Amino acid sequence: LLVSKRAPKAAYQSAALGEEISQRDMLKAL
């Protein structure tokens, strides 16, 4: 409900987690 499947991660999130995981999947894990 918070983010679309295609929403990009913020730069600091990409730097920490790389590009393999989407923002939605990152949030799903939290």
mmCIF file of all heavy atoms, coordinates in Angstrom:
data_MODEL
# 
_entry.id   MODEL 
# 
loop_
_atom_site.group_PDB 
_atom_site.id 
_atom_site.type_symbol 
_atom_site.label_atom_id 
_atom_site.label_alt_id 
_atom_site.label_comp_id 
_atom_site.label_asym_id 
_atom_site.label_entity_id 
_atom_site.label_seq_id 
_atom_site.pdbx_PDB_ins_code 
_atom_site.Cartn_x 
_atom_site.Cartn_y 
_atom_site.Cartn_z 
_atom_site.occupancy 
_atom_site.B_iso_or_equiv 
_atom_site.pdbx_formal_charge 
_atom_site.auth_seq_id 
_atom_site.auth_comp_id 
_atom_site.auth_asym_id 
_atom_site.auth_atom_id 
_atom_site.pdbx_PDB_model_num 
ATOM 1   N N   . LEU A 1 1  ? 0.820  -1.216 0.000   1.00 0.00 ? 1  LEU A N   1 
ATOM 2   C CA  . LEU A 1 1  ? 0.000  0.000  0.000   1.00 0.00 ? 1  LEU A CA  1 
ATOM 3   C C   . LEU A 1 1  ? 0.854  1.265  0.000   1.00 0.00 ? 1  LEU A C   1 
ATOM 4   O O   . LEU A 1 1  ? 0.355  2.355  -0.260  1.00 0.00 ? 1  LEU A O   1 
ATOM 5   C CB  . LEU A 1 1  ? -0.914 0.028  1.235   1.00 0.00 ? 1  LEU A CB  1 
ATOM 6   C CG  . LEU A 1 1  ? -1.920 -1.106 1.357   1.00 0.00 ? 1  LEU A CG  1 
ATOM 7   C CD1 . LEU A 1 1  ? -2.677 -0.994 2.669   1.00 0.00 ? 1  LEU A CD1 1 
ATOM 8   C CD2 . LEU A 1 1  ? -2.874 -1.097 0.175   1.00 0.00 ? 1  LEU A CD2 1 
ATOM 9   N N   . LEU A 1 2  ? 2.126  1.100  0.293   1.00 0.00 ? 2  LEU A N   1 
ATOM 10  C CA  . LEU A 1 2  ? 3.005  2.252  0.477   1.00 0.00 ? 2  LEU A CA  1 
ATOM 11  C C   . LEU A 1 2  ? 3.810  2.619  -0.764  1.00 0.00 ? 2  LEU A C   1 
ATOM 12  O O   . LEU A 1 2  ? 4.052  3.790  -1.031  1.00 0.00 ? 2  LEU A O   1 
ATOM 13  C CB  . LEU A 1 2  ? 3.955  1.955  1.641   1.00 0.00 ? 2  LEU A CB  1 
ATOM 14  C CG  . LEU A 1 2  ? 4.713  3.098  2.258   1.00 0.00 ? 2  LEU A CG  1 
ATOM 15  C CD1 . LEU A 1 2  ? 3.776  4.166  2.791   1.00 0.00 ? 2  LEU A CD1 1 
ATOM 16  C CD2 . LEU A 1 2  ? 5.597  2.578  3.382   1.00 0.00 ? 2  LEU A CD2 1 
ATOM 17  N N   . VAL A 1 3  ? 4.193  1.623  -1.532  1.00 0.00 ? 3  VAL A N   1 
ATOM 18  C CA  . VAL A 1 3  ? 5.102  1.882  -2.658  1.00 0.00 ? 3  VAL A CA  1 
ATOM 19  C C   . VAL A 1 3  ? 4.777  0.923  -3.811  1.00 0.00 ? 3  VAL A C   1 
ATOM 20  O O   . VAL A 1 3  ? 4.379  -0.213 -3.579  1.00 0.00 ? 3  VAL A O   1 
ATOM 21  C CB  . VAL A 1 3  ? 6.576  1.744  -2.195  1.00 0.00 ? 3  VAL A CB  1 
ATOM 22  C CG1 . VAL A 1 3  ? 6.911  0.331  -1.790  1.00 0.00 ? 3  VAL A CG1 1 
ATOM 23  C CG2 . VAL A 1 3  ? 7.549  2.248  -3.224  1.00 0.00 ? 3  VAL A CG2 1 
ATOM 24  N N   . SER A 1 4  ? 4.952  1.417  -5.032  1.00 0.00 ? 4  SER A N   1 
ATOM 25  C CA  . SER A 1 4  ? 4.706  0.561  -6.201  1.00 0.00 ? 4  SER A CA  1 
ATOM 26  C C   . SER A 1 4  ? 5.889  -0.381 -6.416  1.00 0.00 ? 4  SER A C   1 
ATOM 27  O O   . SER A 1 4  ? 6.992  -0.155 -5.909  1.00 0.00 ? 4  SER A O   1 
ATOM 28  C CB  . SER A 1 4  ? 4.484  1.416  -7.451  1.00 0.00 ? 4  SER A CB  1 
ATOM 29  O OG  . SER A 1 4  ? 5.712  1.902  -7.940  1.00 0.00 ? 4  SER A OG  1 
ATOM 30  N N   . LYS A 1 5  ? 5.645  -1.417 -7.192  1.00 0.00 ? 5  LYS A N   1 
ATOM 31  C CA  . LYS A 1 5  ? 6.700  -2.398 -7.477  1.00 0.00 ? 5  LYS A CA  1 
ATOM 32  C C   . LYS A 1 5  ? 7.861  -1.784 -8.246  1.00 0.00 ? 5  LYS A C   1 
ATOM 33  O O   . LYS A 1 5  ? 8.973  -2.293 -8.217  1.00 0.00 ? 5  LYS A O   1 
ATOM 34  C CB  . LYS A 1 5  ? 6.124  -3.576 -8.258  1.00 0.00 ? 5  LYS A CB  1 
ATOM 35  C CG  . LYS A 1 5  ? 5.176  -4.412 -7.454  1.00 0.00 ? 5  LYS A CG  1 
ATOM 36  C CD  . LYS A 1 5  ? 4.598  -5.535 -8.280  1.00 0.00 ? 5  LYS A CD  1 
ATOM 37  C CE  . LYS A 1 5  ? 3.614  -6.326 -7.438  1.00 0.00 ? 5  LYS A CE  1 
ATOM 38  N NZ  . LYS A 1 5  ? 2.991  -7.406 -8.175  1.00 0.00 ? 5  LYS A NZ  1 
ATOM 39  N N   . ARG A 1 6  ? 7.594  -0.680 -8.938  1.00 0.00 ? 6  ARG A N   1 
ATOM 40  C CA  . ARG A 1 6  ? 8.635  -0.056 -9.773  1.00 0.00 ? 6  ARG A CA  1 
ATOM 41  C C   . ARG A 1 6  ? 9.285  1.165  -9.129  1.00 0.00 ? 6  ARG A C   1 
ATOM 42  O O   . ARG A 1 6  ? 10.128 1.812  -9.745  1.00 0.00 ? 6  ARG A O   1 
ATOM 43  C CB  . ARG A 1 6  ? 8.047  0.327  -11.124 1.00 0.00 ? 6  ARG A CB  1 
ATOM 44  C CG  . ARG A 1 6  ? 7.704  -0.900 -11.967 1.00 0.00 ? 6  ARG A CG  1 
ATOM 45  C CD  . ARG A 1 6  ? 7.058  -0.506 -13.241 1.00 0.00 ? 6  ARG A CD  1 
ATOM 46  N NE  . ARG A 1 6  ? 5.682  -0.121 -12.861 1.00 0.00 ? 6  ARG A NE  1 
ATOM 47  C CZ  . ARG A 1 6  ? 4.811  0.433  -13.650 1.00 0.00 ? 6  ARG A CZ  1 
ATOM 48  N NH1 . ARG A 1 6  ? 5.135  0.710  -14.875 1.00 0.00 ? 6  ARG A NH1 1 
ATOM 49  N NH2 . ARG A 1 6  ? 3.604  0.723  -13.238 1.00 0.00 ? 6  ARG A NH2 1 
ATOM 50  N N   . ALA A 1 7  ? 8.929  1.478  -7.893  1.00 0.00 ? 7  ALA A N   1 
ATOM 51  C CA  . ALA A 1 7  ? 9.508  2.655  -7.237  1.00 0.00 ? 7  ALA A CA  1 
ATOM 52  C C   . ALA A 1 7  ? 11.003 2.446  -7.012  1.00 0.00 ? 7  ALA A C   1 
ATOM 53  O O   . ALA A 1 7  ? 11.417 1.404  -6.498  1.00 0.00 ? 7  ALA A O   1 
ATOM 54  C CB  . ALA A 1 7  ? 8.816  2.907  -5.901  1.00 0.00 ? 7  ALA A CB  1 
ATOM 55  N N   . PRO A 1 8  ? 11.808 3.423  -7.412  1.00 0.00 ? 8  PRO A N   1 
ATOM 56  C CA  . PRO A 1 8  ? 13.256 3.289  -7.187  1.00 0.00 ? 8  PRO A CA  1 
ATOM 57  C C   . PRO A 1 8  ? 13.598 3.544  -5.718  1.00 0.00 ? 8  PRO A C   1 
ATOM 58  O O   . PRO A 1 8  ? 12.871 4.215  -4.996  1.00 0.00 ? 8  PRO A O   1 
ATOM 59  C CB  . PRO A 1 8  ? 13.851 4.386  -8.079  1.00 0.00 ? 8  PRO A CB  1 
ATOM 60  C CG  . PRO A 1 8  ? 12.770 5.410  -8.157  1.00 0.00 ? 8  PRO A CG  1 
ATOM 61  C CD  . PRO A 1 8  ? 11.468 4.665  -8.101  1.00 0.00 ? 8  PRO A CD  1 
ATOM 62  N N   . LYS A 1 9  ? 14.703 2.966  -5.291  1.00 0.00 ? 9  LYS A N   1 
ATOM 63  C CA  . LYS A 1 9  ? 15.194 3.230  -3.944  1.00 0.00 ? 9  LYS A CA  1 
ATOM 64  C C   . LYS A 1 9  ? 15.899 4.587  -3.939  1.00 0.00 ? 9  LYS A C   1 
ATOM 65  O O   . LYS A 1 9  ? 16.373 5.066  -4.969  1.00 0.00 ? 9  LYS A O   1 
ATOM 66  C CB  . LYS A 1 9  ? 16.180 2.143  -3.512  1.00 0.00 ? 9  LYS A CB  1 
ATOM 67  C CG  . LYS A 1 9  ? 15.531 0.798  -3.270  1.00 0.00 ? 9  LYS A CG  1 
ATOM 68  C CD  . LYS A 1 9  ? 16.468 -0.181 -2.580  1.00 0.00 ? 9  LYS A CD  1 
ATOM 69  C CE  . LYS A 1 9  ? 17.711 -0.499 -3.318  1.00 0.00 ? 9  LYS A CE  1 
ATOM 70  N NZ  . LYS A 1 9  ? 17.653 -1.475 -4.365  1.00 0.00 ? 9  LYS A NZ  1 
ATOM 71  N N   . ALA A 1 10 ? 15.984 5.175  -2.766  1.00 0.00 ? 10 ALA A N   1 
ATOM 72  C CA  . ALA A 1 10 ? 16.762 6.400  -2.596  1.00 0.00 ? 10 ALA A CA  1 
ATOM 73  C C   . ALA A 1 10 ? 18.241 6.048  -2.762  1.00 0.00 ? 10 ALA A C   1 
ATOM 74  O O   . ALA A 1 10 ? 18.637 4.881  -2.594  1.00 0.00 ? 10 ALA A O   1 
ATOM 75  C CB  . ALA A 1 10 ? 16.512 6.990  -1.210  1.00 0.00 ? 10 ALA A CB  1 
ATOM 76  N N   . ALA A 1 11 ? 19.047 7.034  -3.068  1.00 0.00 ? 11 ALA A N   1 
ATOM 77  C CA  . ALA A 1 11 ? 20.474 6.794  -3.306  1.00 0.00 ? 11 ALA A CA  1 
ATOM 78  C C   . ALA A 1 11 ? 21.146 6.107  -2.120  1.00 0.00 ? 11 ALA A C   1 
ATOM 79  O O   . ALA A 1 11 ? 21.930 5.173  -2.298  1.00 0.00 ? 11 ALA A O   1 
ATOM 80  C CB  . ALA A 1 11 ? 21.173 8.110  -3.636  1.00 0.00 ? 11 ALA A CB  1 
ATOM 81  N N   . TYR A 1 12 ? 20.828 6.540  -0.898  1.00 0.00 ? 12 TYR A N   1 
ATOM 82  C CA  . TYR A 1 12 ? 21.465 5.927  0.272   1.00 0.00 ? 12 TYR A CA  1 
ATOM 83  C C   . TYR A 1 12 ? 21.028 4.473  0.442   1.00 0.00 ? 12 TYR A C   1 
ATOM 84  O O   . TYR A 1 12 ? 21.801 3.632  0.911   1.00 0.00 ? 12 TYR A O   1 
ATOM 85  C CB  . TYR A 1 12 ? 21.199 6.738  1.544   1.00 0.00 ? 12 TYR A CB  1 
ATOM 86  C CG  . TYR A 1 12 ? 19.805 6.595  2.121   1.00 0.00 ? 12 TYR A CG  1 
ATOM 87  C CD1 . TYR A 1 12 ? 19.515 5.622  3.077   1.00 0.00 ? 12 TYR A CD1 1 
ATOM 88  C CD2 . TYR A 1 12 ? 18.768 7.440  1.713   1.00 0.00 ? 12 TYR A CD2 1 
ATOM 89  C CE1 . TYR A 1 12 ? 18.242 5.491  3.595   1.00 0.00 ? 12 TYR A CE1 1 
ATOM 90  C CE2 . TYR A 1 12 ? 17.494 7.316  2.231   1.00 0.00 ? 12 TYR A CE2 1 
ATOM 91  C CZ  . TYR A 1 12 ? 17.236 6.335  3.185   1.00 0.00 ? 12 TYR A CZ  1 
ATOM 92  O OH  . TYR A 1 12 ? 15.979 6.217  3.698   1.00 0.00 ? 12 TYR A OH  1 
ATOM 93  N N   . GLN A 1 13 ? 19.799 4.143  0.014   1.00 0.00 ? 13 GLN A N   1 
ATOM 94  C CA  . GLN A 1 13 ? 19.333 2.765  0.089   1.00 0.00 ? 13 GLN A CA  1 
ATOM 95  C C   . GLN A 1 13 ? 20.055 1.905  -0.945  1.00 0.00 ? 13 GLN A C   1 
ATOM 96  O O   . GLN A 1 13 ? 20.458 0.786  -0.649  1.00 0.00 ? 13 GLN A O   1 
ATOM 97  C CB  . GLN A 1 13 ? 17.818 2.701  -0.132  1.00 0.00 ? 13 GLN A CB  1 
ATOM 98  C CG  . GLN A 1 13 ? 17.023 3.362  0.968   1.00 0.00 ? 13 GLN A CG  1 
ATOM 99  C CD  . GLN A 1 13 ? 15.565 3.570  0.604   1.00 0.00 ? 13 GLN A CD  1 
ATOM 100 O OE1 . GLN A 1 13 ? 15.219 3.731  -0.564  1.00 0.00 ? 13 GLN A OE1 1 
ATOM 101 N NE2 . GLN A 1 13 ? 14.710 3.573  1.610   1.00 0.00 ? 13 GLN A NE2 1 
ATOM 102 N N   . SER A 1 14 ? 20.224 2.438  -2.139  1.00 0.00 ? 14 SER A N   1 
ATOM 103 C CA  . SER A 1 14 ? 20.950 1.703  -3.185  1.00 0.00 ? 14 SER A CA  1 
ATOM 104 C C   . SER A 1 14 ? 22.400 1.495  -2.793  1.00 0.00 ? 14 SER A C   1 
ATOM 105 O O   . SER A 1 14 ? 22.963 0.419  -3.021  1.00 0.00 ? 14 SER A O   1 
ATOM 106 C CB  . SER A 1 14 ? 20.874 2.455  -4.517  1.00 0.00 ? 14 SER A CB  1 
ATOM 107 O OG  . SER A 1 14 ? 19.549 2.450  -5.002  1.00 0.00 ? 14 SER A OG  1 
ATOM 108 N N   . ALA A 1 15 ? 22.992 2.513  -2.181  1.00 0.00 ? 15 ALA A N   1 
ATOM 109 C CA  . ALA A 1 15 ? 24.384 2.390  -1.756  1.00 0.00 ? 15 ALA A CA  1 
ATOM 110 C C   . ALA A 1 15 ? 24.542 1.305  -0.692  1.00 0.00 ? 15 ALA A C   1 
ATOM 111 O O   . ALA A 1 15 ? 25.523 0.564  -0.685  1.00 0.00 ? 15 ALA A O   1 
ATOM 112 C CB  . ALA A 1 15 ? 24.899 3.731  -1.229  1.00 0.00 ? 15 ALA A CB  1 
ATOM 113 N N   . ALA A 1 16 ? 23.563 1.195  0.193   1.00 0.00 ? 16 ALA A N   1 
ATOM 114 C CA  . ALA A 1 16 ? 23.644 0.215  1.268   1.00 0.00 ? 16 ALA A CA  1 
ATOM 115 C C   . ALA A 1 16 ? 23.257 -1.194 0.822   1.00 0.00 ? 16 ALA A C   1 
ATOM 116 O O   . ALA A 1 16 ? 23.820 -2.172 1.302   1.00 0.00 ? 16 ALA A O   1 
ATOM 117 C CB  . ALA A 1 16 ? 22.753 0.648  2.433   1.00 0.00 ? 16 ALA A CB  1 
ATOM 118 N N   . LEU A 1 17 ? 22.286 -1.294 -0.093  1.00 0.00 ? 17 LEU A N   1 
ATOM 119 C CA  . LEU A 1 17 ? 21.725 -2.600 -0.436  1.00 0.00 ? 17 LEU A CA  1 
ATOM 120 C C   . LEU A 1 17 ? 21.973 -3.046 -1.861  1.00 0.00 ? 17 LEU A C   1 
ATOM 121 O O   . LEU A 1 17 ? 21.630 -4.175 -2.215  1.00 0.00 ? 17 LEU A O   1 
ATOM 122 C CB  . LEU A 1 17 ? 20.208 -2.586 -0.194  1.00 0.00 ? 17 LEU A CB  1 
ATOM 123 C CG  . LEU A 1 17 ? 19.766 -2.301 1.234   1.00 0.00 ? 17 LEU A CG  1 
ATOM 124 C CD1 . LEU A 1 17 ? 18.263 -2.126 1.294   1.00 0.00 ? 17 LEU A CD1 1 
ATOM 125 C CD2 . LEU A 1 17 ? 20.221 -3.414 2.153   1.00 0.00 ? 17 LEU A CD2 1 
ATOM 126 N N   . GLY A 1 18 ? 22.513 -2.167 -2.689  1.00 0.00 ? 18 GLY A N   1 
ATOM 127 C CA  . GLY A 1 18 ? 22.699 -2.512 -4.096  1.00 0.00 ? 18 GLY A CA  1 
ATOM 128 C C   . GLY A 1 18 ? 21.393 -2.397 -4.856  1.00 0.00 ? 18 GLY A C   1 
ATOM 129 O O   . GLY A 1 18 ? 20.377 -1.944 -4.328  1.00 0.00 ? 18 GLY A O   1 
ATOM 130 N N   . GLU A 1 19 ? 21.415 -2.818 -6.094  1.00 0.00 ? 19 GLU A N   1 
ATOM 131 C CA  . GLU A 1 19 ? 20.248 -2.684 -6.960  1.00 0.00 ? 19 GLU A CA  1 
ATOM 132 C C   . GLU A 1 19 ? 19.455 -3.984 -7.108  1.00 0.00 ? 19 GLU A C   1 
ATOM 133 O O   . GLU A 1 19 ? 18.436 -4.010 -7.780  1.00 0.00 ? 19 GLU A O   1 
ATOM 134 C CB  . GLU A 1 19 ? 20.699 -2.203 -8.351  1.00 0.00 ? 19 GLU A CB  1 
ATOM 135 C CG  . GLU A 1 19 ? 21.288 -0.801 -8.348  1.00 0.00 ? 19 GLU A CG  1 
ATOM 136 C CD  . GLU A 1 19 ? 20.300 0.258  -7.872  1.00 0.00 ? 19 GLU A CD  1 
ATOM 137 O OE1 . GLU A 1 19 ? 19.090 0.132  -8.135  1.00 0.00 ? 19 GLU A OE1 1 
ATOM 138 O OE2 . GLU A 1 19 ? 20.749 1.210  -7.216  1.00 0.00 ? 19 GLU A OE2 1 
ATOM 139 N N   . GLU A 1 20 ? 19.915 -5.064 -6.482  1.00 0.00 ? 20 GLU A N   1 
ATOM 140 C CA  . GLU A 1 20 ? 19.265 -6.361 -6.676  1.00 0.00 ? 20 GLU A CA  1 
ATOM 141 C C   . GLU A 1 20 ? 17.856 -6.417 -6.095  1.00 0.00 ? 20 GLU A C   1 
ATOM 142 O O   . GLU A 1 20 ? 16.996 -7.116 -6.600  1.00 0.00 ? 20 GLU A O   1 
ATOM 143 C CB  . GLU A 1 20 ? 20.097 -7.484 -6.030  1.00 0.00 ? 20 GLU A CB  1 
ATOM 144 C CG  . GLU A 1 20 ? 21.496 -7.640 -6.590  1.00 0.00 ? 20 GLU A CG  1 
ATOM 145 C CD  . GLU A 1 20 ? 22.473 -6.628 -6.010  1.00 0.00 ? 20 GLU A CD  1 
ATOM 146 O OE1 . GLU A 1 20 ? 22.469 -6.401 -4.789  1.00 0.00 ? 20 GLU A OE1 1 
ATOM 147 O OE2 . GLU A 1 20 ? 23.224 -6.045 -6.806  1.00 0.00 ? 20 GLU A OE2 1 
ATOM 148 N N   . ILE A 1 21 ? 17.628 -5.683 -5.024  1.00 0.00 ? 21 ILE A N   1 
ATOM 149 C CA  . ILE A 1 21 ? 16.338 -5.726 -4.339  1.00 0.00 ? 21 ILE A CA  1 
ATOM 150 C C   . ILE A 1 21 ? 15.583 -4.421 -4.604  1.00 0.00 ? 21 ILE A C   1 
ATOM 151 O O   . ILE A 1 21 ? 16.170 -3.341 -4.575  1.00 0.00 ? 21 ILE A O   1 
ATOM 152 C CB  . ILE A 1 21 ? 16.527 -5.966 -2.822  1.00 0.00 ? 21 ILE A CB  1 
ATOM 153 C CG1 . ILE A 1 21 ? 15.189 -6.125 -2.115  1.00 0.00 ? 21 ILE A CG1 1 
ATOM 154 C CG2 . ILE A 1 21 ? 17.371 -4.905 -2.192  1.00 0.00 ? 21 ILE A CG2 1 
ATOM 155 C CD1 . ILE A 1 21 ? 15.302 -6.571 -0.668  1.00 0.00 ? 21 ILE A CD1 1 
ATOM 156 N N   . SER A 1 22 ? 14.301 -4.532 -4.874  1.00 0.00 ? 22 SER A N   1 
ATOM 157 C CA  . SER A 1 22 ? 13.492 -3.339 -5.142  1.00 0.00 ? 22 SER A CA  1 
ATOM 158 C C   . SER A 1 22 ? 13.129 -2.639 -3.833  1.00 0.00 ? 22 SER A C   1 
ATOM 159 O O   . SER A 1 22 ? 13.245 -3.232 -2.749  1.00 0.00 ? 22 SER A O   1 
ATOM 160 C CB  . SER A 1 22 ? 12.200 -3.733 -5.876  1.00 0.00 ? 22 SER A CB  1 
ATOM 161 O OG  . SER A 1 22 ? 11.338 -4.452 -4.996  1.00 0.00 ? 22 SER A OG  1 
ATOM 162 N N   . GLN A 1 23 ? 12.691 -1.402 -3.929  1.00 0.00 ? 23 GLN A N   1 
ATOM 163 C CA  . GLN A 1 23 ? 12.258 -0.673 -2.734  1.00 0.00 ? 23 GLN A CA  1 
ATOM 164 C C   . GLN A 1 23 ? 11.093 -1.406 -2.066  1.00 0.00 ? 23 GLN A C   1 
ATOM 165 O O   . GLN A 1 23 ? 11.049 -1.562 -0.852  1.00 0.00 ? 23 GLN A O   1 
ATOM 166 C CB  . GLN A 1 23 ? 11.845 0.761  -3.060  1.00 0.00 ? 23 GLN A CB  1 
ATOM 167 C CG  . GLN A 1 23 ? 11.250 1.450  -1.839  1.00 0.00 ? 23 GLN A CG  1 
ATOM 168 C CD  . GLN A 1 23 ? 11.588 2.899  -1.748  1.00 0.00 ? 23 GLN A CD  1 
ATOM 169 O OE1 . GLN A 1 23 ? 12.274 3.441  -2.585  1.00 0.00 ? 23 GLN A OE1 1 
ATOM 170 N NE2 . GLN A 1 23 ? 11.113 3.522  -0.716  1.00 0.00 ? 23 GLN A NE2 1 
ATOM 171 N N   . ARG A 1 24 ? 10.147 -1.881 -2.866  1.00 0.00 ? 24 ARG A N   1 
ATOM 172 C CA  . ARG A 1 24 ? 8.999  -2.598 -2.317  1.00 0.00 ? 24 ARG A CA  1 
ATOM 173 C C   . ARG A 1 24 ? 9.453  -3.843 -1.562  1.00 0.00 ? 24 ARG A C   1 
ATOM 174 O O   . ARG A 1 24 ? 9.014  -4.104 -0.451  1.00 0.00 ? 24 ARG A O   1 
ATOM 175 C CB  . ARG A 1 24 ? 8.018  -2.980 -3.419  1.00 0.00 ? 24 ARG A CB  1 
ATOM 176 C CG  . ARG A 1 24 ? 6.751  -3.616 -2.889  1.00 0.00 ? 24 ARG A CG  1 
ATOM 177 C CD  . ARG A 1 24 ? 5.975  -4.288 -4.027  1.00 0.00 ? 24 ARG A CD  1 
ATOM 178 N NE  . ARG A 1 24 ? 5.236  -5.416 -3.530  1.00 0.00 ? 24 ARG A NE  1 
ATOM 179 C CZ  . ARG A 1 24 ? 5.733  -6.633 -3.313  1.00 0.00 ? 24 ARG A CZ  1 
ATOM 180 N NH1 . ARG A 1 24 ? 6.982  -6.900 -3.529  1.00 0.00 ? 24 ARG A NH1 1 
ATOM 181 N NH2 . ARG A 1 24 ? 4.970  -7.596 -2.865  1.00 0.00 ? 24 ARG A NH2 1 
ATOM 182 N N   . ASP A 1 25 ? 10.362 -4.608 -2.150  1.00 0.00 ? 25 ASP A N   1 
ATOM 183 C CA  . ASP A 1 25 ? 10.843 -5.825 -1.492  1.00 0.00 ? 25 ASP A CA  1 
ATOM 184 C C   . ASP A 1 25 ? 11.657 -5.493 -0.246  1.00 0.00 ? 25 ASP A C   1 
ATOM 185 O O   . ASP A 1 25 ? 11.609 -6.223 0.755   1.00 0.00 ? 25 ASP A O   1 
ATOM 186 C CB  . ASP A 1 25 ? 11.655 -6.676 -2.455  1.00 0.00 ? 25 ASP A CB  1 
ATOM 187 C CG  . ASP A 1 25 ? 10.786 -7.320 -3.532  1.00 0.00 ? 25 ASP A CG  1 
ATOM 188 O OD1 . ASP A 1 25 ? 9.553  -7.389 -3.344  1.00 0.00 ? 25 ASP A OD1 1 
ATOM 189 O OD2 . ASP A 1 25 ? 11.338 -7.731 -4.571  1.00 0.00 ? 25 ASP A OD2 1 
ATOM 190 N N   . MET A 1 26 ? 12.399 -4.398 -0.292  1.00 0.00 ? 26 MET A N   1 
ATOM 191 C CA  . MET A 1 26 ? 13.151 -3.953 0.882   1.00 0.00 ? 26 MET A CA  1 
ATOM 192 C C   . MET A 1 26 ? 12.183 -3.659 2.028   1.00 0.00 ? 26 MET A C   1 
ATOM 193 O O   . MET A 1 26 ? 12.372 -4.100 3.157   1.00 0.00 ? 26 MET A O   1 
ATOM 194 C CB  . MET A 1 26 ? 13.971 -2.702 0.551   1.00 0.00 ? 26 MET A CB  1 
ATOM 195 C CG  . MET A 1 26 ? 14.709 -2.112 1.735   1.00 0.00 ? 26 MET A CG  1 
ATOM 196 S SD  . MET A 1 26 ? 15.368 -0.464 1.405   1.00 0.00 ? 26 MET A SD  1 
ATOM 197 C CE  . MET A 1 26 ? 13.859 0.503  1.324   1.00 0.00 ? 26 MET A CE  1 
ATOM 198 N N   . LEU A 1 27 ? 11.105 -2.910 1.722   1.00 0.00 ? 27 LEU A N   1 
ATOM 199 C CA  . LEU A 1 27 ? 10.117 -2.577 2.745   1.00 0.00 ? 27 LEU A CA  1 
ATOM 200 C C   . LEU A 1 27 ? 9.353  -3.813 3.203   1.00 0.00 ? 27 LEU A C   1 
ATOM 201 O O   . LEU A 1 27 ? 9.031  -3.942 4.394   1.00 0.00 ? 27 LEU A O   1 
ATOM 202 C CB  . LEU A 1 27 ? 9.159  -1.511 2.224   1.00 0.00 ? 27 LEU A CB  1 
ATOM 203 C CG  . LEU A 1 27 ? 9.759  -0.126 2.034   1.00 0.00 ? 27 LEU A CG  1 
ATOM 204 C CD1 . LEU A 1 27 ? 8.762  0.806  1.363   1.00 0.00 ? 27 LEU A CD1 1 
ATOM 205 C CD2 . LEU A 1 27 ? 10.228 0.449  3.365   1.00 0.00 ? 27 LEU A CD2 1 
ATOM 206 N N   . LYS A 1 28 ? 9.063  -4.710 2.284   1.00 0.00 ? 28 LYS A N   1 
ATOM 207 C CA  . LYS A 1 28 ? 8.349  -5.941 2.635   1.00 0.00 ? 28 LYS A CA  1 
ATOM 208 C C   . LYS A 1 28 ? 9.128  -6.723 3.696   1.00 0.00 ? 28 LYS A C   1 
ATOM 209 O O   . LYS A 1 28 ? 8.541  -7.296 4.612   1.00 0.00 ? 28 LYS A O   1 
ATOM 210 C CB  . LYS A 1 28 ? 8.152  -6.782 1.370   1.00 0.00 ? 28 LYS A CB  1 
ATOM 211 C CG  . LYS A 1 28 ? 7.140  -7.849 1.515   1.00 0.00 ? 28 LYS A CG  1 
ATOM 212 C CD  . LYS A 1 28 ? 5.766  -7.259 1.334   1.00 0.00 ? 28 LYS A CD  1 
ATOM 213 C CE  . LYS A 1 28 ? 4.739  -8.355 1.245   1.00 0.00 ? 28 LYS A CE  1 
ATOM 214 N NZ  . LYS A 1 28 ? 3.459  -7.937 1.775   1.00 0.00 ? 28 LYS A NZ  1 
ATOM 215 N N   . ALA A 1 29 ? 10.455 -6.717 3.584   1.00 0.00 ? 29 ALA A N   1 
ATOM 216 C CA  . ALA A 1 29 ? 11.299 -7.432 4.550   1.00 0.00 ? 29 ALA A CA  1 
ATOM 217 C C   . ALA A 1 29 ? 11.287 -6.770 5.930   1.00 0.00 ? 29 ALA A C   1 
ATOM 218 O O   . ALA A 1 29 ? 11.640 -7.403 6.924   1.00 0.00 ? 29 ALA A O   1 
ATOM 219 C CB  . ALA A 1 29 ? 12.729 -7.522 4.019   1.00 0.00 ? 29 ALA A CB  1 
ATOM 220 N N   . LEU A 1 30 ? 10.884 -5.499 5.989   1.00 0.00 ? 30 LEU A N   1 
ATOM 221 C CA  . LEU A 1 30 ? 10.843 -4.755 7.255   1.00 0.00 ? 30 LEU A CA  1 
ATOM 222 C C   . LEU A 1 30 ? 9.448  -4.714 7.863   1.00 0.00 ? 30 LEU A C   1 
ATOM 223 O O   . LEU A 1 30 ? 9.250  -4.176 8.954   1.00 0.00 ? 30 LEU A O   1 
ATOM 224 C CB  . LEU A 1 30 ? 11.332 -3.315 7.023   1.00 0.00 ? 30 LEU A CB  1 
ATOM 225 C CG  . LEU A 1 30 ? 12.765 -3.181 6.528   1.00 0.00 ? 30 LEU A CG  1 
ATOM 226 C CD1 . LEU A 1 30 ? 13.050 -1.738 6.150   1.00 0.00 ? 30 LEU A CD1 1 
ATOM 227 C CD2 . LEU A 1 30 ? 13.747 -3.686 7.559   1.00 0.00 ? 30 LEU A CD2 1 
# 
